[in-house]
Amino acid sequence: MDEKQKSRNYFNSHRKSRLAHGGYWRHDYRYQLKAIGRIKPDRLIDIGCGPGAFLSLVEDTFPDIQLNALDLSEEMISETRERLSDTAIVTVGDAEHMPFESEQYQVVTCNMSIHHYPHPQDALNEMYRILKPGGYLLLNDMDCAAPLRAVANRIFPRLPGGDVKMYCRNEIEEMVHSAGFCKVRYRKISPFSFQCVAKKAL
């Protein structure tokens, strides 16, 4: 079974887990919300949305933003649909092959998801493609000290959730630049996570 199928199976069976009742990473969400407040987008899409915990906070904080969501798990998309208002557009799909037209969104968010992607460069290329010129990528994922990261990456293939790899700062920055983004800013926001903000040129 490949990583994508493992992820789909795992998250389909964890719709009502702690993850679906607010998420493990609410500390990180506030940094994403602050960035959204500065950008003030009309349309935003969350890639790897999970059960919609982050998007429900976005909707509460910025009710005028048109929200969109993508996830590989049908059950997580169902959970997201139940959490959000009827105006939100939620889609089952693969982050590496998104079923969207180019240049649709002013902000793409991706929270604690990219470590599940077998081909993260393909996913970042897609995120770049669907952003409007001048749009922003807000990428949040795991990061920790190199020895712990090495241990995690040895364990990941044995986990049931389809975890692939925890990337270091240089790897993230290189992939984001390779996708075409400019003005890439990477910062640690906790001992175990980072935020990367990147802009698509006008």
C-alpha atoms as a PDB file:
ATOM      1  CA  MET A   1       0.000   0.000   0.000  1.00  0.00           C
ATOM      2  CA  ASP A   2       1.452   3.382  -0.977  1.00  0.00           C
ATOM      3  CA  GLU A   3       1.571   6.436   1.297  1.00  0.00           C
ATOM      4  CA  LYS A   4      -1.442   8.117  -0.283  1.00  0.00           C
ATOM      5  CA  GLN A   5      -3.659   5.111   0.229  1.00  0.00           C
ATOM      6  CA  LYS A   6      -2.388   4.736   3.791  1.00  0.00           C
ATOM      7  CA  SER A   7      -3.225   8.378   4.477  1.00  0.00           C
ATOM      8  CA  ARG A   8      -6.681   8.085   2.941  1.00  0.00           C
ATOM      9  CA  ASN A   9      -7.497   4.940   4.926  1.00  0.00           C
ATOM     10  CA  TYR A  10      -6.124   6.327   8.183  1.00  0.00           C
ATOM     11  CA  PHE A  11      -7.894   9.662   8.056  1.00  0.00           C
ATOM     12  CA  ASN A  12     -11.126   8.151   6.782  1.00  0.00           C
ATOM     13  CA  SER A  13     -11.188   6.076   9.973  1.00  0.00           C
ATOM     14  CA  HIS A  14     -10.301   9.006  12.280  1.00  0.00           C
ATOM     15  CA  ARG A  15     -13.069  11.440  11.436  1.00  0.00           C
ATOM     16  CA  LYS A  16     -14.183  11.797  15.068  1.00  0.00           C
ATOM     17  CA  SER A  17     -10.758  11.644  16.701  1.00  0.00           C
ATOM     18  CA  ARG A  18      -9.141  14.437  18.720  1.00  0.00           C
ATOM     19  CA  LEU A  19      -7.879  15.728  15.388  1.00  0.00           C
ATOM     20  CA  ALA A  20     -11.480  16.357  14.370  1.00  0.00           C
ATOM     21  CA  HIS A  21     -12.237  18.251  17.577  1.00  0.00           C
ATOM     22  CA  GLY A  22      -9.854  21.134  17.164  1.00  0.00           C
ATOM     23  CA  GLY A  23      -6.582  19.636  16.008  1.00  0.00           C
ATOM     24  CA  TYR A  24      -3.228  19.210  17.691  1.00  0.00           C
ATOM     25  CA  TRP A  25      -1.760  22.360  16.214  1.00  0.00           C
ATOM     26  CA  ARG A  26      -3.987  25.229  17.331  1.00  0.00           C
ATOM     27  CA  HIS A  27      -0.913  27.113  18.589  1.00  0.00           C
ATOM     28  CA  ASP A  28       0.305  27.346  15.001  1.00  0.00           C
ATOM     29  CA  TYR A  29      -3.046  28.464  13.625  1.00  0.00           C
ATOM     30  CA  ARG A  30      -2.750  31.887  15.232  1.00  0.00           C
ATOM     31  CA  TYR A  31       0.310  32.662  13.109  1.00  0.00           C
ATOM     32  CA  GLN A  32      -1.581  31.682   9.986  1.00  0.00           C
ATOM     33  CA  LEU A  33      -4.563  33.788  11.043  1.00  0.00           C
ATOM     34  CA  LYS A  34      -2.328  36.821  11.604  1.00  0.00           C
ATOM     35  CA  ALA A  35      -0.894  36.448   8.117  1.00  0.00           C
ATOM     36  CA  ILE A  36      -4.371  36.138   6.616  1.00  0.00           C
ATOM     37  CA  GLY A  37      -5.402  39.302   8.466  1.00  0.00           C
ATOM     38  CA  ARG A  38      -2.501  41.190   6.898  1.00  0.00           C
ATOM     39  CA  ILE A  39      -3.178  39.902   3.390  1.00  0.00           C
ATOM     40  CA  LYS A  40      -6.980  40.317   3.469  1.00  0.00           C
ATOM     41  CA  PRO A  41      -7.813  37.857   0.674  1.00  0.00           C
ATOM     42  CA  ASP A  42     -11.193  37.452  -0.989  1.00  0.00           C
ATOM     43  CA  ARG A  43     -10.641  33.742  -1.710  1.00  0.00           C
ATOM     44  CA  LEU A  44      -8.608  31.234   0.270  1.00  0.00           C
ATOM     45  CA  ILE A  45      -8.069  27.497  -0.080  1.00  0.00           C
ATOM     46  CA  ASP A  46      -6.706  25.130   2.560  1.00  0.00           C
ATOM     47  CA  ILE A  47      -4.827  22.163   1.100  1.00  0.00           C
ATOM     48  CA  GLY A  48      -4.908  19.003   3.201  1.00  0.00           C
ATOM     49  CA  CYS A  49      -7.708  20.571   5.219  1.00  0.00           C
ATOM     50  CA  GLY A  50      -8.331  17.528   7.410  1.00  0.00           C
ATOM     51  CA  PRO A  51     -11.521  17.934   9.457  1.00  0.00           C
ATOM     52  CA  GLY A  52     -11.726  21.689   8.899  1.00  0.00           C
ATOM     53  CA  ALA A  53     -10.529  22.812  12.334  1.00  0.00           C
ATOM     54  CA  PHE A  54      -8.358  25.543  10.845  1.00  0.00           C
ATOM     55  CA  LEU A  55     -10.920  26.715   8.315  1.00  0.00           C
ATOM     56  CA  SER A  56     -13.612  26.974  10.980  1.00  0.00           C
ATOM     57  CA  LEU A  57     -11.352  29.440  12.812  1.00  0.00           C
ATOM     58  CA  VAL A  58     -10.773  31.350   9.581  1.00  0.00           C
ATOM     59  CA  GLU A  59     -14.523  31.543   8.999  1.00  0.00           C
ATOM     60  CA  ASP A  60     -15.170  32.789  12.528  1.00  0.00           C
ATOM     61  CA  THR A  61     -12.405  35.396  12.280  1.00  0.00           C
ATOM     62  CA  PHE A  62     -12.878  36.498   8.665  1.00  0.00           C
ATOM     63  CA  PRO A  63     -16.495  35.734   7.684  1.00  0.00           C
ATOM     64  CA  ASP A  64     -16.238  37.601   4.366  1.00  0.00           C
ATOM     65  CA  ILE A  65     -13.545  35.339   2.874  1.00  0.00           C
ATOM     66  CA  GLN A  66     -14.743  32.762   0.349  1.00  0.00           C
ATOM     67  CA  LEU A  67     -13.367  29.515   1.775  1.00  0.00           C
ATOM     68  CA  ASN A  68     -12.307  26.457  -0.183  1.00  0.00           C
ATOM     69  CA  ALA A  69     -10.860  23.151   0.982  1.00  0.00           C
ATOM     70  CA  LEU A  70      -9.106  20.126  -0.509  1.00  0.00           C
ATOM     71  CA  ASP A  71      -8.313  16.789   1.115  1.00  0.00           C
ATOM     72  CA  LEU A  72      -7.594  13.249  -0.033  1.00  0.00           C
ATOM     73  CA  SER A  73      -9.887  11.772   2.636  1.00  0.00           C
ATOM     74  CA  GLU A  74     -13.576  11.629   1.836  1.00  0.00           C
ATOM     75  CA  GLU A  75     -14.473  11.452   5.533  1.00  0.00           C
ATOM     76  CA  MET A  76     -12.363  14.476   6.435  1.00  0.00           C
ATOM     77  CA  ILE A  77     -14.043  16.424   3.645  1.00  0.00           C
ATOM     78  CA  SER A  78     -17.424  15.391   5.063  1.00  0.00           C
ATOM     79  CA  GLU A  79     -16.351  16.651   8.482  1.00  0.00           C
ATOM     80  CA  THR A  80     -15.138  19.927   6.963  1.00  0.00           C
ATOM     81  CA  ARG A  81     -18.410  20.361   5.093  1.00  0.00           C
ATOM     82  CA  GLU A  82     -20.354  19.964   8.350  1.00  0.00           C
ATOM     83  CA  ARG A  83     -18.171  22.518  10.174  1.00  0.00           C
ATOM     84  CA  LEU A  84     -18.360  25.293   7.586  1.00  0.00           C
ATOM     85  CA  SER A  85     -21.157  27.415   6.182  1.00  0.00           C
ATOM     86  CA  ASP A  86     -22.924  26.496   2.961  1.00  0.00           C
ATOM     87  CA  THR A  87     -20.868  29.022   0.984  1.00  0.00           C
ATOM     88  CA  ALA A  88     -17.629  27.051   1.504  1.00  0.00           C
ATOM     89  CA  ILE A  89     -16.510  24.862  -1.384  1.00  0.00           C
ATOM     90  CA  VAL A  90     -14.940  21.571  -0.277  1.00  0.00           C
ATOM     91  CA  THR A  91     -13.373  19.062  -2.657  1.00  0.00           C
ATOM     92  CA  VAL A  92     -11.959  15.555  -2.423  1.00  0.00           C
ATOM     93  CA  GLY A  93      -8.685  15.542  -4.322  1.00  0.00           C
ATOM     94  CA  ASP A  94      -4.957  14.959  -4.484  1.00  0.00           C
ATOM     95  CA  ALA A  95      -2.686  17.879  -3.550  1.00  0.00           C
ATOM     96  CA  GLU A  96      -0.184  16.722  -6.158  1.00  0.00           C
ATOM     97  CA  HIS A  97      -2.828  16.811  -8.937  1.00  0.00           C
ATOM     98  CA  MET A  98      -5.405  19.427  -7.976  1.00  0.00           C
ATOM     99  CA  PRO A  99      -8.717  19.535  -9.872  1.00  0.00           C
ATOM    100  CA  PHE A 100      -8.699  23.335 -10.104  1.00  0.00           C
ATOM    101  CA  GLU A 101      -8.094  25.923 -12.785  1.00  0.00           C
ATOM    102  CA  SER A 102      -4.994  28.095 -12.546  1.00  0.00           C
ATOM    103  CA  GLU A 103      -4.853  31.470 -10.760  1.00  0.00           C
ATOM    104  CA  GLN A 104      -7.996  31.101  -8.648  1.00  0.00           C
ATOM    105  CA  TYR A 105      -6.973  32.045  -5.086  1.00  0.00           C
ATOM    106  CA  GLN A 106      -5.249  34.883  -3.289  1.00  0.00           C
ATOM    107  CA  VAL A 107      -4.090  32.678  -0.414  1.00  0.00           C
ATOM    108  CA  VAL A 108      -3.205  28.985  -0.243  1.00  0.00           C
ATOM    109  CA  THR A 109      -2.741  27.537   3.220  1.00  0.00           C
ATOM    110  CA  CYS A 110      -1.301  24.112   4.022  1.00  0.00           C
ATOM    111  CA  ASN A 111      -1.144  23.081   7.668  1.00  0.00           C
ATOM    112  CA  MET A 112       0.596  19.934   8.916  1.00  0.00           C
ATOM    113  CA  SER A 113       0.003  18.149   5.645  1.00  0.00           C
ATOM    114  CA  ILE A 114       3.051  18.346   3.398  1.00  0.00           C
ATOM    115  CA  HIS A 115       4.921  15.673   5.370  1.00  0.00           C
ATOM    116  CA  HIS A 116       2.320  13.225   4.029  1.00  0.00           C
ATOM    117  CA  TYR A 117       3.052  13.948   0.368  1.00  0.00           C
ATOM    118  CA  PRO A 118       5.219  11.451  -1.543  1.00  0.00           C
ATOM    119  CA  HIS A 119       6.055  14.176  -4.083  1.00  0.00           C
ATOM    120  CA  PRO A 120       5.995  17.494  -2.189  1.00  0.00           C
ATOM    121  CA  GLN A 121       7.544  19.430  -5.063  1.00  0.00           C
ATOM    122  CA  ASP A 122       4.572  18.479  -7.237  1.00  0.00           C
ATOM    123  CA  ALA A 123       2.197  19.708  -4.534  1.00  0.00           C
ATOM    124  CA  LEU A 124       4.034  23.026  -4.163  1.00  0.00           C
ATOM    125  CA  ASN A 125       4.045  23.455  -7.934  1.00  0.00           C
ATOM    126  CA  GLU A 126       0.280  22.996  -7.867  1.00  0.00           C
ATOM    127  CA  MET A 127      -0.116  25.489  -5.037  1.00  0.00           C
ATOM    128  CA  TYR A 128       1.821  28.009  -7.103  1.00  0.00           C
ATOM    129  CA  ARG A 129      -0.316  27.275 -10.165  1.00  0.00           C
ATOM    130  CA  ILE A 130      -3.667  27.865  -8.482  1.00  0.00           C
ATOM    131  CA  LEU A 131      -2.570  31.128  -6.842  1.00  0.00           C
ATOM    132  CA  LYS A 132      -3.313  34.428  -8.510  1.00  0.00           C
ATOM    133  CA  PRO A 133      -0.307  36.637  -9.323  1.00  0.00           C
ATOM    134  CA  GLY A 134       0.630  38.436  -6.122  1.00  0.00           C
ATOM    135  CA  GLY A 135      -0.958  35.677  -4.033  1.00  0.00           C
ATOM    136  CA  TYR A 136       0.542  34.074  -0.941  1.00  0.00           C
ATOM    137  CA  LEU A 137       1.395  30.583   0.227  1.00  0.00           C
ATOM    138  CA  LEU A 138       1.158  30.067   4.003  1.00  0.00           C
ATOM    139  CA  LEU A 139       2.861  26.749   4.731  1.00  0.00           C
ATOM    140  CA  ASN A 140       2.948  25.286   8.234  1.00  0.00           C
ATOM    141  CA  ASP A 141       4.468  21.941   9.157  1.00  0.00           C
ATOM    142  CA  MET A 142       6.718  20.058  11.553  1.00  0.00           C
ATOM    143  CA  ASP A 143      10.334  20.955  12.252  1.00  0.00           C
ATOM    144  CA  CYS A 144      12.605  20.011  15.121  1.00  0.00           C
ATOM    145  CA  ALA A 145      16.272  19.525  15.966  1.00  0.00           C
ATOM    146  CA  ALA A 146      18.189  17.497  13.392  1.00  0.00           C
ATOM    147  CA  PRO A 147      18.714  14.378  15.579  1.00  0.00           C
ATOM    148  CA  LEU A 148      15.002  14.182  16.387  1.00  0.00           C
ATOM    149  CA  ARG A 149      14.106  14.773  12.755  1.00  0.00           C
ATOM    150  CA  ALA A 150      16.383  11.905  11.716  1.00  0.00           C
ATOM    151  CA  VAL A 151      14.700   9.576  14.203  1.00  0.00           C
ATOM    152  CA  ALA A 152      11.243  10.669  13.044  1.00  0.00           C
ATOM    153  CA  ASN A 153      12.126  10.022   9.425  1.00  0.00           C
ATOM    154  CA  ARG A 154      13.221   6.480  10.267  1.00  0.00           C
ATOM    155  CA  ILE A 155       9.938   5.884  12.099  1.00  0.00           C
ATOM    156  CA  PHE A 156       7.585   7.509   9.583  1.00  0.00           C
ATOM    157  CA  PRO A 157       7.447   4.551   7.115  1.00  0.00           C
ATOM    158  CA  ARG A 158       6.216   2.310   9.963  1.00  0.00           C
ATOM    159  CA  LEU A 159       3.361   4.609  10.968  1.00  0.00           C
ATOM    160  CA  PRO A 160      -0.192   3.911   9.757  1.00  0.00           C
ATOM    161  CA  GLY A 161      -0.996   7.474   8.686  1.00  0.00           C
ATOM    162  CA  GLY A 162       1.061   7.681   5.505  1.00  0.00           C
ATOM    163  CA  ASP A 163       3.688  10.024   6.946  1.00  0.00           C
ATOM    164  CA  VAL A 164       6.541  10.381   4.451  1.00  0.00           C
ATOM    165  CA  LYS A 165       9.184  12.821   5.649  1.00  0.00           C
ATOM    166  CA  MET A 166       9.845  15.747   7.967  1.00  0.00           C
ATOM    167  CA  TYR A 167      11.773  18.315   5.932  1.00  0.00           C
ATOM    168  CA  CYS A 168      14.515  20.616   7.144  1.00  0.00           C
ATOM    169  CA  ARG A 169      14.529  24.348   6.518  1.00  0.00           C
ATOM    170  CA  ASN A 170      16.859  24.140   3.505  1.00  0.00           C
ATOM    171  CA  GLU A 171      14.670  21.513   1.849  1.00  0.00           C
ATOM    172  CA  ILE A 172      11.489  23.530   2.356  1.00  0.00           C
ATOM    173  CA  GLU A 173      13.039  26.761   1.100  1.00  0.00           C
ATOM    174  CA  GLU A 174      14.537  25.024  -1.929  1.00  0.00           C
ATOM    175  CA  MET A 175      11.229  23.417  -2.895  1.00  0.00           C
ATOM    176  CA  VAL A 176       9.275  26.646  -2.434  1.00  0.00           C
ATOM    177  CA  HIS A 177      11.774  28.587  -4.563  1.00  0.00           C
ATOM    178  CA  SER A 178      11.758  25.821  -7.179  1.00  0.00           C
ATOM    179  CA  ALA A 179       7.984  26.110  -7.445  1.00  0.00           C
ATOM    180  CA  GLY A 180       8.484  29.740  -8.525  1.00  0.00           C
ATOM    181  CA  PHE A 181       7.755  31.678  -5.345  1.00  0.00           C
ATOM    182  CA  CYS A 182       9.636  34.807  -4.376  1.00  0.00           C
ATOM    183  CA  LYS A 183      10.005  36.619  -1.047  1.00  0.00           C
ATOM    184  CA  VAL A 184      10.191  33.364   0.874  1.00  0.00           C
ATOM    185  CA  ARG A 185      10.283  33.783   4.656  1.00  0.00           C
ATOM    186  CA  TYR A 186      10.805  30.755   6.910  1.00  0.00           C
ATOM    187  CA  ARG A 187      10.596  30.968  10.680  1.00  0.00           C
ATOM    188  CA  LYS A 188      10.256  28.612  13.596  1.00  0.00           C
ATOM    189  CA  ILE A 189       7.019  29.237  15.491  1.00  0.00           C
ATOM    190  CA  SER A 190       7.453  26.490  18.103  1.00  0.00           C
ATOM    191  CA  PRO A 191      10.142  23.928  18.984  1.00  0.00           C
ATOM    192  CA  PHE A 192       8.344  21.494  16.683  1.00  0.00           C
ATOM    193  CA  SER A 193       6.912  23.569  13.850  1.00  0.00           C
ATOM    194  CA  PHE A 194       7.576  26.286  11.278  1.00  0.00           C
ATOM    195  CA  GLN A 195       5.715  28.792   9.154  1.00  0.00           C
ATOM    196  CA  CYS A 196       6.852  29.607   5.631  1.00  0.00           C
ATOM    197  CA  VAL A 197       5.270  32.587   3.883  1.00  0.00           C
ATOM    198  CA  ALA A 198       5.939  32.930   0.172  1.00  0.00           C
ATOM    199  CA  LYS A 199       4.614  35.229  -2.528  1.00  0.00           C
ATOM    200  CA  LYS A 200       3.852  34.635  -6.191  1.00  0.00           C
ATOM    201  CA  ALA A 201       5.202  37.478  -8.293  1.00  0.00           C
ATOM    202  CA  LEU A 202       2.774  39.850 -10.005  1.00  0.00           C
END
